[in-house]
Full PDB file with SEQRES, HELIX, SHEET, SSBOND, CRYST1, ORIGX, SCALE, CONECT and MASTER records, all heavy atoms in Angstrom:
SEQRES   1 A   40  ARG MET VAL GLY ALA TYR LEU GLU ARG ALA GLY TYR ALA          
SEQRES   2 A   40  VAL GLU LEU VAL HIS ASP GLY VAL GLU ALA VAL ALA SER          
SEQRES   3 A   40  ALA ARG ALA VAL THR PRO ASP ALA MET VAL LEU ASP LEU          
SEQRES   4 A   40  GLY                                                          
HELIX    1 AA1 MET A    2  ARG A    9  1                                   8    
HELIX    2 AA2 GLY A   20  VAL A   30  1                                  11    
CRYST1    1.000    1.000    1.000  90.00  90.00  90.00 P 1           1          
ORIGX1      1.000000  0.000000  0.000000        0.00000                         
ORIGX2      0.000000  1.000000  0.000000        0.00000                         
ORIGX3      0.000000  0.000000  1.000000        0.00000                         
SCALE1      1.000000  0.000000  0.000000        0.00000                         
SCALE2      0.000000  1.000000  0.000000        0.00000                         
SCALE3      0.000000  0.000000  1.000000        0.00000                         
ATOM      1  N   ARG A   1       6.827  -6.245   2.983  1.00  0.00           N  
ATOM      2  CA  ARG A   1       6.438  -7.559   2.434  1.00  0.00           C  
ATOM      3  C   ARG A   1       5.623  -8.365   3.491  1.00  0.00           C  
ATOM      4  O   ARG A   1       4.648  -9.047   3.049  1.00  0.00           O  
ATOM      5  CB  ARG A   1       7.683  -8.325   1.977  1.00  0.00           C  
ATOM      6  CG  ARG A   1       8.366  -7.703   0.761  1.00  0.00           C  
ATOM      7  CD  ARG A   1       9.383  -8.697   0.259  1.00  0.00           C  
ATOM      8  NE  ARG A   1      10.212  -8.107  -0.805  1.00  0.00           N  
ATOM      9  CZ  ARG A   1      11.450  -7.652  -0.597  1.00  0.00           C  
ATOM     10  NH1 ARG A   1      12.003  -7.823   0.618  1.00  0.00           N  
ATOM     11  NH2 ARG A   1      12.134  -7.109  -1.573  1.00  0.00           N  
ATOM     12  N   MET A   2       6.065  -8.356   4.724  1.00  0.00           N  
ATOM     13  CA  MET A   2       5.325  -9.123   5.692  1.00  0.00           C  
ATOM     14  C   MET A   2       3.888  -8.600   5.922  1.00  0.00           C  
ATOM     15  O   MET A   2       2.986  -9.392   5.959  1.00  0.00           O  
ATOM     16  CB  MET A   2       6.106  -9.054   7.028  1.00  0.00           C  
ATOM     17  CG  MET A   2       5.407  -9.863   8.127  1.00  0.00           C  
ATOM     18  SD  MET A   2       6.384  -9.828   9.762  1.00  0.00           S  
ATOM     19  CE  MET A   2       6.289  -8.093  10.106  1.00  0.00           C  
ATOM     20  N   VAL A   3       3.807  -7.242   5.997  1.00  0.00           N  
ATOM     21  CA  VAL A   3       2.478  -6.679   6.177  1.00  0.00           C  
ATOM     22  C   VAL A   3       1.591  -7.039   4.966  1.00  0.00           C  
ATOM     23  O   VAL A   3       0.434  -7.366   5.050  1.00  0.00           O  
ATOM     24  CB  VAL A   3       2.605  -5.139   6.353  1.00  0.00           C  
ATOM     25  CG1 VAL A   3       1.253  -4.494   6.252  1.00  0.00           C  
ATOM     26  CG2 VAL A   3       3.144  -4.831   7.728  1.00  0.00           C  
ATOM     27  N   GLY A   4       2.189  -6.837   3.738  1.00  0.00           N  
ATOM     28  CA  GLY A   4       1.449  -7.191   2.542  1.00  0.00           C  
ATOM     29  C   GLY A   4       0.994  -8.633   2.506  1.00  0.00           C  
ATOM     30  O   GLY A   4      -0.144  -8.927   2.104  1.00  0.00           O  
ATOM     31  N   ALA A   5       1.862  -9.557   2.937  1.00  0.00           N  
ATOM     32  CA  ALA A   5       1.501 -10.966   2.935  1.00  0.00           C  
ATOM     33  C   ALA A   5       0.306 -11.207   3.852  1.00  0.00           C  
ATOM     34  O   ALA A   5      -0.630 -11.961   3.497  1.00  0.00           O  
ATOM     35  CB  ALA A   5       2.658 -11.814   3.362  1.00  0.00           C  
ATOM     36  N   TYR A   6       0.282 -10.605   5.079  1.00  0.00           N  
ATOM     37  CA  TYR A   6      -0.830 -10.752   5.982  1.00  0.00           C  
ATOM     38  C   TYR A   6      -2.110 -10.221   5.408  1.00  0.00           C  
ATOM     39  O   TYR A   6      -3.166 -10.772   5.496  1.00  0.00           O  
ATOM     40  CB  TYR A   6      -0.499 -10.083   7.331  1.00  0.00           C  
ATOM     41  CG  TYR A   6       0.218 -11.001   8.285  1.00  0.00           C  
ATOM     42  CD1 TYR A   6       1.651 -11.130   8.255  1.00  0.00           C  
ATOM     43  CD2 TYR A   6      -0.410 -11.747   9.257  1.00  0.00           C  
ATOM     44  CE1 TYR A   6       2.281 -11.964   9.144  1.00  0.00           C  
ATOM     45  CE2 TYR A   6       0.298 -12.559  10.156  1.00  0.00           C  
ATOM     46  CZ  TYR A   6       1.609 -12.627  10.075  1.00  0.00           C  
ATOM     47  OH  TYR A   6       2.282 -13.454  10.952  1.00  0.00           O  
ATOM     48  N   LEU A   7      -2.049  -9.025   4.728  1.00  0.00           N  
ATOM     49  CA  LEU A   7      -3.171  -8.466   4.190  1.00  0.00           C  
ATOM     50  C   LEU A   7      -3.732  -9.273   3.020  1.00  0.00           C  
ATOM     51  O   LEU A   7      -4.911  -9.369   2.843  1.00  0.00           O  
ATOM     52  CB  LEU A   7      -2.881  -7.009   3.738  1.00  0.00           C  
ATOM     53  CG  LEU A   7      -2.671  -5.965   4.854  1.00  0.00           C  
ATOM     54  CD1 LEU A   7      -2.068  -4.709   4.304  1.00  0.00           C  
ATOM     55  CD2 LEU A   7      -3.982  -5.684   5.522  1.00  0.00           C  
ATOM     56  N   GLU A   8      -2.804  -9.779   2.217  1.00  0.00           N  
ATOM     57  CA  GLU A   8      -3.201 -10.631   1.071  1.00  0.00           C  
ATOM     58  C   GLU A   8      -3.926 -11.886   1.576  1.00  0.00           C  
ATOM     59  O   GLU A   8      -4.958 -12.324   1.035  1.00  0.00           O  
ATOM     60  CB  GLU A   8      -2.066 -11.018   0.263  1.00  0.00           C  
ATOM     61  CG  GLU A   8      -1.477  -9.922  -0.637  1.00  0.00           C  
ATOM     62  CD  GLU A   8      -0.158 -10.233  -1.220  1.00  0.00           C  
ATOM     63  OE1 GLU A   8       0.365 -11.337  -0.998  1.00  0.00           O  
ATOM     64  OE2 GLU A   8       0.359  -9.345  -1.975  1.00  0.00           O  
ATOM     65  N   ARG A   9      -3.416 -12.477   2.639  1.00  0.00           N  
ATOM     66  CA  ARG A   9      -4.102 -13.661   3.276  1.00  0.00           C  
ATOM     67  C   ARG A   9      -5.455 -13.296   3.782  1.00  0.00           C  
ATOM     68  O   ARG A   9      -6.314 -14.207   3.809  1.00  0.00           O  
ATOM     69  CB  ARG A   9      -3.263 -14.290   4.360  1.00  0.00           C  
ATOM     70  CG  ARG A   9      -2.029 -15.069   3.825  1.00  0.00           C  
ATOM     71  CD  ARG A   9      -1.499 -16.034   4.815  1.00  0.00           C  
ATOM     72  NE  ARG A   9      -0.779 -15.353   5.853  1.00  0.00           N  
ATOM     73  CZ  ARG A   9       0.431 -15.101   5.894  1.00  0.00           C  
ATOM     74  NH1 ARG A   9       1.271 -15.457   4.875  1.00  0.00           N  
ATOM     75  NH2 ARG A   9       1.032 -14.515   6.955  1.00  0.00           N  
ATOM     76  N   ALA A  10      -5.639 -12.078   4.150  1.00  0.00           N  
ATOM     77  CA  ALA A  10      -7.002 -11.601   4.644  1.00  0.00           C  
ATOM     78  C   ALA A  10      -7.963 -11.293   3.430  1.00  0.00           C  
ATOM     79  O   ALA A  10      -9.057 -10.948   3.712  1.00  0.00           O  
ATOM     80  CB  ALA A  10      -6.840 -10.401   5.497  1.00  0.00           C  
ATOM     81  N   GLY A  11      -7.478 -11.458   2.222  1.00  0.00           N  
ATOM     82  CA  GLY A  11      -8.308 -11.304   1.045  1.00  0.00           C  
ATOM     83  C   GLY A  11      -8.181  -9.951   0.400  1.00  0.00           C  
ATOM     84  O   GLY A  11      -9.034  -9.663  -0.494  1.00  0.00           O  
ATOM     85  N   TYR A  12      -7.208  -9.116   0.687  1.00  0.00           N  
ATOM     86  CA  TYR A  12      -7.085  -7.835   0.098  1.00  0.00           C  
ATOM     87  C   TYR A  12      -6.194  -7.834  -1.109  1.00  0.00           C  
ATOM     88  O   TYR A  12      -5.210  -8.569  -1.155  1.00  0.00           O  
ATOM     89  CB  TYR A  12      -6.642  -6.740   1.073  1.00  0.00           C  
ATOM     90  CG  TYR A  12      -7.581  -6.620   2.368  1.00  0.00           C  
ATOM     91  CD1 TYR A  12      -7.141  -6.921   3.561  1.00  0.00           C  
ATOM     92  CD2 TYR A  12      -8.924  -6.213   2.112  1.00  0.00           C  
ATOM     93  CE1 TYR A  12      -7.967  -6.851   4.662  1.00  0.00           C  
ATOM     94  CE2 TYR A  12      -9.744  -6.108   3.182  1.00  0.00           C  
ATOM     95  CZ  TYR A  12      -9.321  -6.395   4.497  1.00  0.00           C  
ATOM     96  OH  TYR A  12     -10.177  -6.304   5.529  1.00  0.00           O  
ATOM     97  N   ALA A  13      -6.413  -6.892  -2.004  1.00  0.00           N  
ATOM     98  CA  ALA A  13      -5.455  -6.631  -3.106  1.00  0.00           C  
ATOM     99  C   ALA A  13      -4.445  -5.550  -2.627  1.00  0.00           C  
ATOM    100  O   ALA A  13      -4.874  -4.512  -2.152  1.00  0.00           O  
ATOM    101  CB  ALA A  13      -6.199  -6.083  -4.318  1.00  0.00           C  
ATOM    102  N   VAL A  14      -3.185  -5.908  -2.646  1.00  0.00           N  
ATOM    103  CA  VAL A  14      -2.183  -5.097  -2.015  1.00  0.00           C  
ATOM    104  C   VAL A  14      -1.189  -4.579  -2.977  1.00  0.00           C  
ATOM    105  O   VAL A  14      -0.715  -5.256  -3.922  1.00  0.00           O  
ATOM    106  CB  VAL A  14      -1.414  -5.953  -0.957  1.00  0.00           C  
ATOM    107  CG1 VAL A  14      -0.334  -5.097  -0.254  1.00  0.00           C  
ATOM    108  CG2 VAL A  14      -2.460  -6.482   0.097  1.00  0.00           C  
ATOM    109  N   GLU A  15      -0.794  -3.313  -2.801  1.00  0.00           N  
ATOM    110  CA  GLU A  15       0.254  -2.618  -3.539  1.00  0.00           C  
ATOM    111  C   GLU A  15       1.274  -2.170  -2.534  1.00  0.00           C  
ATOM    112  O   GLU A  15       0.953  -1.514  -1.429  1.00  0.00           O  
ATOM    113  CB  GLU A  15      -0.312  -1.422  -4.291  1.00  0.00           C  
ATOM    114  CG  GLU A  15       0.698  -0.550  -4.956  1.00  0.00           C  
ATOM    115  CD  GLU A  15       0.744  -0.771  -6.485  1.00  0.00           C  
ATOM    116  OE1 GLU A  15      -0.008  -1.546  -6.980  1.00  0.00           O  
ATOM    117  OE2 GLU A  15       1.606  -0.120  -7.148  1.00  0.00           O  
ATOM    118  N   LEU A  16       2.553  -2.424  -2.785  1.00  0.00           N  
ATOM    119  CA  LEU A  16       3.618  -1.977  -1.857  1.00  0.00           C  
ATOM    120  C   LEU A  16       4.477  -0.913  -2.559  1.00  0.00           C  
ATOM    121  O   LEU A  16       4.837  -1.074  -3.644  1.00  0.00           O  
ATOM    122  CB  LEU A  16       4.552  -3.165  -1.537  1.00  0.00           C  
ATOM    123  CG  LEU A  16       3.922  -4.485  -0.883  1.00  0.00           C  
ATOM    124  CD1 LEU A  16       5.063  -5.478  -0.614  1.00  0.00           C  
ATOM    125  CD2 LEU A  16       3.135  -4.162   0.324  1.00  0.00           C  
ATOM    126  N   VAL A  17       4.733   0.189  -1.852  1.00  0.00           N  
ATOM    127  CA  VAL A  17       5.667   1.182  -2.301  1.00  0.00           C  
ATOM    128  C   VAL A  17       6.540   1.529  -1.088  1.00  0.00           C  
ATOM    129  O   VAL A  17       6.186   1.328   0.057  1.00  0.00           O  
ATOM    130  CB  VAL A  17       4.968   2.410  -2.841  1.00  0.00           C  
ATOM    131  CG1 VAL A  17       4.094   2.009  -4.023  1.00  0.00           C  
ATOM    132  CG2 VAL A  17       4.134   3.121  -1.805  1.00  0.00           C  
ATOM    133  N   HIS A  18       7.730   2.146  -1.380  1.00  0.00           N  
ATOM    134  CA  HIS A  18       8.731   2.344  -0.385  1.00  0.00           C  
ATOM    135  C   HIS A  18       9.231   3.713  -0.215  1.00  0.00           C  
ATOM    136  O   HIS A  18      10.235   3.898   0.577  1.00  0.00           O  
ATOM    137  CB  HIS A  18       9.924   1.355  -0.672  1.00  0.00           C  
ATOM    138  CG  HIS A  18       9.515  -0.077  -0.879  1.00  0.00           C  
ATOM    139  ND1 HIS A  18       8.914  -0.816   0.118  1.00  0.00           N  
ATOM    140  CD2 HIS A  18       9.520  -0.845  -1.963  1.00  0.00           C  
ATOM    141  CE1 HIS A  18       8.651  -2.010  -0.351  1.00  0.00           C  
ATOM    142  NE2 HIS A  18       8.985  -2.085  -1.629  1.00  0.00           N  
ATOM    143  N   ASP A  19       8.613   4.718  -0.894  1.00  0.00           N  
ATOM    144  CA  ASP A  19       9.011   6.086  -0.572  1.00  0.00           C  
ATOM    145  C   ASP A  19       7.746   7.013  -0.839  1.00  0.00           C  
ATOM    146  O   ASP A  19       6.773   6.616  -1.370  1.00  0.00           O  
ATOM    147  CB  ASP A  19      10.180   6.582  -1.405  1.00  0.00           C  
ATOM    148  CG  ASP A  19       9.880   6.749  -2.879  1.00  0.00           C  
ATOM    149  OD1 ASP A  19       9.053   7.713  -3.200  1.00  0.00           O  
ATOM    150  OD2 ASP A  19      10.429   6.034  -3.748  1.00  0.00           O  
ATOM    151  N   GLY A  20       7.892   8.246  -0.349  1.00  0.00           N  
ATOM    152  CA  GLY A  20       6.746   9.171  -0.325  1.00  0.00           C  
ATOM    153  C   GLY A  20       6.219   9.616  -1.686  1.00  0.00           C  
ATOM    154  O   GLY A  20       5.057   9.676  -1.891  1.00  0.00           O  
ATOM    155  N   VAL A  21       7.206   9.918  -2.545  1.00  0.00           N  
ATOM    156  CA  VAL A  21       6.823  10.413  -3.904  1.00  0.00           C  
ATOM    157  C   VAL A  21       6.021   9.269  -4.617  1.00  0.00           C  
ATOM    158  O   VAL A  21       4.987   9.557  -5.265  1.00  0.00           O  
ATOM    159  CB  VAL A  21       8.049  10.842  -4.679  1.00  0.00           C  
ATOM    160  CG1 VAL A  21       7.652  11.158  -6.160  1.00  0.00           C  
ATOM    161  CG2 VAL A  21       8.641  12.043  -4.010  1.00  0.00           C  
ATOM    162  N   GLU A  22       6.535   8.088  -4.547  1.00  0.00           N  
ATOM    163  CA  GLU A  22       5.855   6.967  -5.192  1.00  0.00           C  
ATOM    164  C   GLU A  22       4.544   6.676  -4.574  1.00  0.00           C  
ATOM    165  O   GLU A  22       3.569   6.273  -5.267  1.00  0.00           O  
ATOM    166  CB  GLU A  22       6.786   5.703  -5.086  1.00  0.00           C  
ATOM    167  CG  GLU A  22       6.334   4.525  -6.059  1.00  0.00           C  
ATOM    168  CD  GLU A  22       7.309   3.389  -5.995  1.00  0.00           C  
ATOM    169  OE1 GLU A  22       8.225   3.429  -5.224  1.00  0.00           O  
ATOM    170  OE2 GLU A  22       7.120   2.484  -6.867  1.00  0.00           O  
ATOM    171  N   ALA A  23       4.426   6.929  -3.248  1.00  0.00           N  
ATOM    172  CA  ALA A  23       3.175   6.732  -2.551  1.00  0.00           C  
ATOM    173  C   ALA A  23       2.065   7.602  -3.069  1.00  0.00           C  
ATOM    174  O   ALA A  23       0.931   7.164  -3.314  1.00  0.00           O  
ATOM    175  CB  ALA A  23       3.381   6.953  -1.068  1.00  0.00           C  
ATOM    176  N   VAL A  24       2.350   8.887  -3.266  1.00  0.00           N  
ATOM    177  CA  VAL A  24       1.358   9.816  -3.810  1.00  0.00           C  
ATOM    178  C   VAL A  24       0.920   9.414  -5.273  1.00  0.00           C  
ATOM    179  O   VAL A  24      -0.297   9.378  -5.545  1.00  0.00           O  
ATOM    180  CB  VAL A  24       1.907  11.264  -3.792  1.00  0.00           C  
ATOM    181  CG1 VAL A  24       0.866  12.205  -4.500  1.00  0.00           C  
ATOM    182  CG2 VAL A  24       2.131  11.701  -2.383  1.00  0.00           C  
ATOM    183  N   ALA A  25       1.914   9.075  -6.103  1.00  0.00           N  
ATOM    184  CA  ALA A  25       1.613   8.600  -7.443  1.00  0.00           C  
ATOM    185  C   ALA A  25       0.744   7.369  -7.404  1.00  0.00           C  
ATOM    186  O   ALA A  25      -0.201   7.247  -8.197  1.00  0.00           O  
ATOM    187  CB  ALA A  25       2.884   8.358  -8.200  1.00  0.00           C  
ATOM    188  N   SER A  26       1.054   6.405  -6.526  1.00  0.00           N  
ATOM    189  CA  SER A  26       0.299   5.162  -6.528  1.00  0.00           C  
ATOM    190  C   SER A  26      -1.121   5.355  -5.995  1.00  0.00           C  
ATOM    191  O   SER A  26      -2.044   4.762  -6.474  1.00  0.00           O  
ATOM    192  CB  SER A  26       1.044   4.164  -5.631  1.00  0.00           C  
ATOM    193  OG  SER A  26       2.317   3.724  -6.211  1.00  0.00           O  
ATOM    194  N   ALA A  27      -1.267   6.322  -5.014  1.00  0.00           N  
ATOM    195  CA  ALA A  27      -2.618   6.644  -4.502  1.00  0.00           C  
ATOM    196  C   ALA A  27      -3.473   7.169  -5.577  1.00  0.00           C  
ATOM    197  O   ALA A  27      -4.633   6.904  -5.650  1.00  0.00           O  
ATOM    198  CB  ALA A  27      -2.490   7.561  -3.298  1.00  0.00           C  
ATOM    199  N   ARG A  28      -2.855   7.970  -6.494  1.00  0.00           N  
ATOM    200  CA  ARG A  28      -3.677   8.493  -7.639  1.00  0.00           C  
ATOM    201  C   ARG A  28      -4.032   7.375  -8.643  1.00  0.00           C  
ATOM    202  O   ARG A  28      -5.127   7.259  -9.138  1.00  0.00           O  
ATOM    203  CB  ARG A  28      -2.841   9.568  -8.371  1.00  0.00           C  
ATOM    204  CG  ARG A  28      -2.779  10.884  -7.656  1.00  0.00           C  
ATOM    205  CD  ARG A  28      -2.128  11.907  -8.491  1.00  0.00           C  
ATOM    206  NE  ARG A  28      -1.948  13.188  -7.873  1.00  0.00           N  
ATOM    207  CZ  ARG A  28      -2.908  14.154  -7.677  1.00  0.00           C  
ATOM    208  NH1 ARG A  28      -4.091  13.930  -8.225  1.00  0.00           N  
ATOM    209  NH2 ARG A  28      -2.643  15.242  -7.095  1.00  0.00           N  
ATOM    210  N   ALA A  29      -3.035   6.484  -8.840  1.00  0.00           N  
ATOM    211  CA  ALA A  29      -3.178   5.433  -9.921  1.00  0.00           C  
ATOM    212  C   ALA A  29      -4.140   4.372  -9.475  1.00  0.00           C  
ATOM    213  O   ALA A  29      -4.983   3.881 -10.263  1.00  0.00           O  
ATOM    214  CB  ALA A  29      -1.838   4.905 -10.234  1.00  0.00           C  
ATOM    215  N   VAL A  30      -4.061   3.867  -8.230  1.00  0.00           N  
ATOM    216  CA  VAL A  30      -4.768   2.627  -7.838  1.00  0.00           C  
ATOM    217  C   VAL A  30      -6.036   2.920  -6.978  1.00  0.00           C  
ATOM    218  O   VAL A  30      -6.785   1.995  -6.725  1.00  0.00           O  
ATOM    219  CB  VAL A  30      -3.852   1.669  -7.073  1.00  0.00           C  
ATOM    220  CG1 VAL A  30      -2.612   1.290  -7.852  1.00  0.00           C  
ATOM    221  CG2 VAL A  30      -3.475   2.219  -5.678  1.00  0.00           C  
ATOM    222  N   THR A  31      -6.199   4.207  -6.618  1.00  0.00           N  
ATOM    223  CA  THR A  31      -7.406   4.612  -5.821  1.00  0.00           C  
ATOM    224  C   THR A  31      -7.662   3.670  -4.736  1.00  0.00           C  
ATOM    225  O   THR A  31      -8.688   2.944  -4.758  1.00  0.00           O  
ATOM    226  CB  THR A  31      -8.645   4.822  -6.652  1.00  0.00           C  
ATOM    227  OG1 THR A  31      -8.958   3.638  -7.410  1.00  0.00           O  
ATOM    228  CG2 THR A  31      -8.367   5.996  -7.693  1.00  0.00           C  
ATOM    229  N   PRO A  32      -6.763   3.525  -3.735  1.00  0.00           N  
ATOM    230  CA  PRO A  32      -6.951   2.478  -2.694  1.00  0.00           C  
ATOM    231  C   PRO A  32      -8.145   2.784  -1.796  1.00  0.00           C  
ATOM    232  O   PRO A  32      -8.585   3.979  -1.653  1.00  0.00           O  
ATOM    233  CB  PRO A  32      -5.610   2.592  -1.922  1.00  0.00           C  
ATOM    234  CG  PRO A  32      -5.236   3.997  -2.069  1.00  0.00           C  
ATOM    235  CD  PRO A  32      -5.612   4.342  -3.495  1.00  0.00           C  
ATOM    236  N   ASP A  33      -8.664   1.765  -1.175  1.00  0.00           N  
ATOM    237  CA  ASP A  33      -9.725   1.937  -0.176  1.00  0.00           C  
ATOM    238  C   ASP A  33      -9.101   2.252   1.199  1.00  0.00           C  
ATOM    239  O   ASP A  33      -9.816   2.859   1.994  1.00  0.00           O  
ATOM    240  CB  ASP A  33     -10.478   0.553  -0.086  1.00  0.00           C  
ATOM    241  CG  ASP A  33     -11.214   0.233  -1.319  1.00  0.00           C  
ATOM    242  OD1 ASP A  33     -12.195   0.912  -1.689  1.00  0.00           O  
ATOM    243  OD2 ASP A  33     -10.764  -0.740  -2.030  1.00  0.00           O  
ATOM    244  N   ALA A  34      -7.881   1.799   1.355  1.00  0.00           N  
ATOM    245  CA  ALA A  34      -7.182   2.151   2.639  1.00  0.00           C  
ATOM    246  C   ALA A  34      -5.686   2.202   2.325  1.00  0.00           C  
ATOM    247  O   ALA A  34      -5.173   1.584   1.458  1.00  0.00           O  
ATOM    248  CB  ALA A  34      -7.485   1.136   3.700  1.00  0.00           C  
ATOM    249  N   MET A  35      -5.010   3.026   3.191  1.00  0.00           N  
ATOM    250  CA  MET A  35      -3.531   3.170   3.047  1.00  0.00           C  
ATOM    251  C   MET A  35      -2.910   2.923   4.427  1.00  0.00           C  
ATOM    252  O   MET A  35      -3.353   3.464   5.427  1.00  0.00           O  
ATOM    253  CB  MET A  35      -3.184   4.550   2.520  1.00  0.00           C  
ATOM    254  CG  MET A  35      -1.728   4.800   2.391  1.00  0.00           C  
ATOM    255  SD  MET A  35      -1.381   6.523   1.975  1.00  0.00           S  
ATOM    256  CE  MET A  35      -1.971   6.544   0.258  1.00  0.00           C  
ATOM    257  N   VAL A  36      -1.885   2.080   4.476  1.00  0.00           N  
ATOM    258  CA  VAL A  36      -1.029   1.908   5.646  1.00  0.00           C  
ATOM    259  C   VAL A  36       0.188   2.701   5.385  1.00  0.00           C  
ATOM    260  O   VAL A  36       0.982   2.358   4.491  1.00  0.00           O  
ATOM    261  CB  VAL A  36      -0.745   0.453   5.826  1.00  0.00           C  
ATOM    262  CG1 VAL A  36       0.179   0.258   7.038  1.00  0.00           C  
ATOM    263  CG2 VAL A  36      -2.028  -0.410   6.090  1.00  0.00           C  
ATOM    264  N   LEU A  37       0.408   3.809   6.119  1.00  0.00           N  
ATOM    265  CA  LEU A  37       1.394   4.825   5.769  1.00  0.00           C  
ATOM    266  C   LEU A  37       2.407   5.012   6.884  1.00  0.00           C  
ATOM    267  O   LEU A  37       2.059   5.492   7.979  1.00  0.00           O  
ATOM    268  CB  LEU A  37       0.628   6.149   5.473  1.00  0.00           C  
ATOM    269  CG  LEU A  37       1.488   7.401   5.186  1.00  0.00           C  
ATOM    270  CD1 LEU A  37       2.292   7.163   3.913  1.00  0.00           C  
ATOM    271  CD2 LEU A  37       0.603   8.577   5.041  1.00  0.00           C  
ATOM    272  N   ASP A  38       3.616   4.731   6.598  1.00  0.00           N  
ATOM    273  CA  ASP A  38       4.714   4.928   7.576  1.00  0.00           C  
ATOM    274  C   ASP A  38       5.036   6.465   7.700  1.00  0.00           C  
ATOM    275  O   ASP A  38       4.955   7.157   6.693  1.00  0.00           O  
ATOM    276  CB  ASP A  38       5.985   4.195   7.122  1.00  0.00           C  
ATOM    277  CG  ASP A  38       7.047   4.247   8.260  1.00  0.00           C  
ATOM    278  OD1 ASP A  38       6.699   4.225   9.401  1.00  0.00           O  
ATOM    279  OD2 ASP A  38       8.256   4.269   7.863  1.00  0.00           O  
ATOM    280  N   LEU A  39       5.331   6.886   8.875  1.00  0.00           N  
ATOM    281  CA  LEU A  39       5.620   8.276   9.102  1.00  0.00           C  
ATOM    282  C   LEU A  39       6.983   8.697   8.524  1.00  0.00           C  
ATOM    283  O   LEU A  39       7.134   9.765   7.846  1.00  0.00           O  
ATOM    284  CB  LEU A  39       5.594   8.614  10.621  1.00  0.00           C  
ATOM    285  CG  LEU A  39       5.749  10.075  10.962  1.00  0.00           C  
ATOM    286  CD1 LEU A  39       4.583  10.953  10.511  1.00  0.00           C  
ATOM    287  CD2 LEU A  39       5.842  10.214  12.509  1.00  0.00           C  
ATOM    288  N   GLY A  40       7.981   7.826   8.765  1.00  0.00           N  
ATOM    289  CA  GLY A  40       9.333   8.134   8.256  1.00  0.00           C  
ATOM    290  C   GLY A  40       9.677   7.547   6.958  1.00  0.00           C  
ATOM    291  O   GLY A  40       9.950   6.304   6.796  1.00  0.00           O  
TER     292      GLY A  40                                                      
MASTER        0    0    0    2    0    0    0    6  291    1    0    4          
END                                                                             
């Protein structure tokens, strides 16, 4: 949420997800320009 808030203030449209399976599905659905991806 904190990272998302900073990115939103910088003018980006932000989607937050919290696990890997959802991340792949969201990447297909929203076609992001960039992804901030946690390793664990």
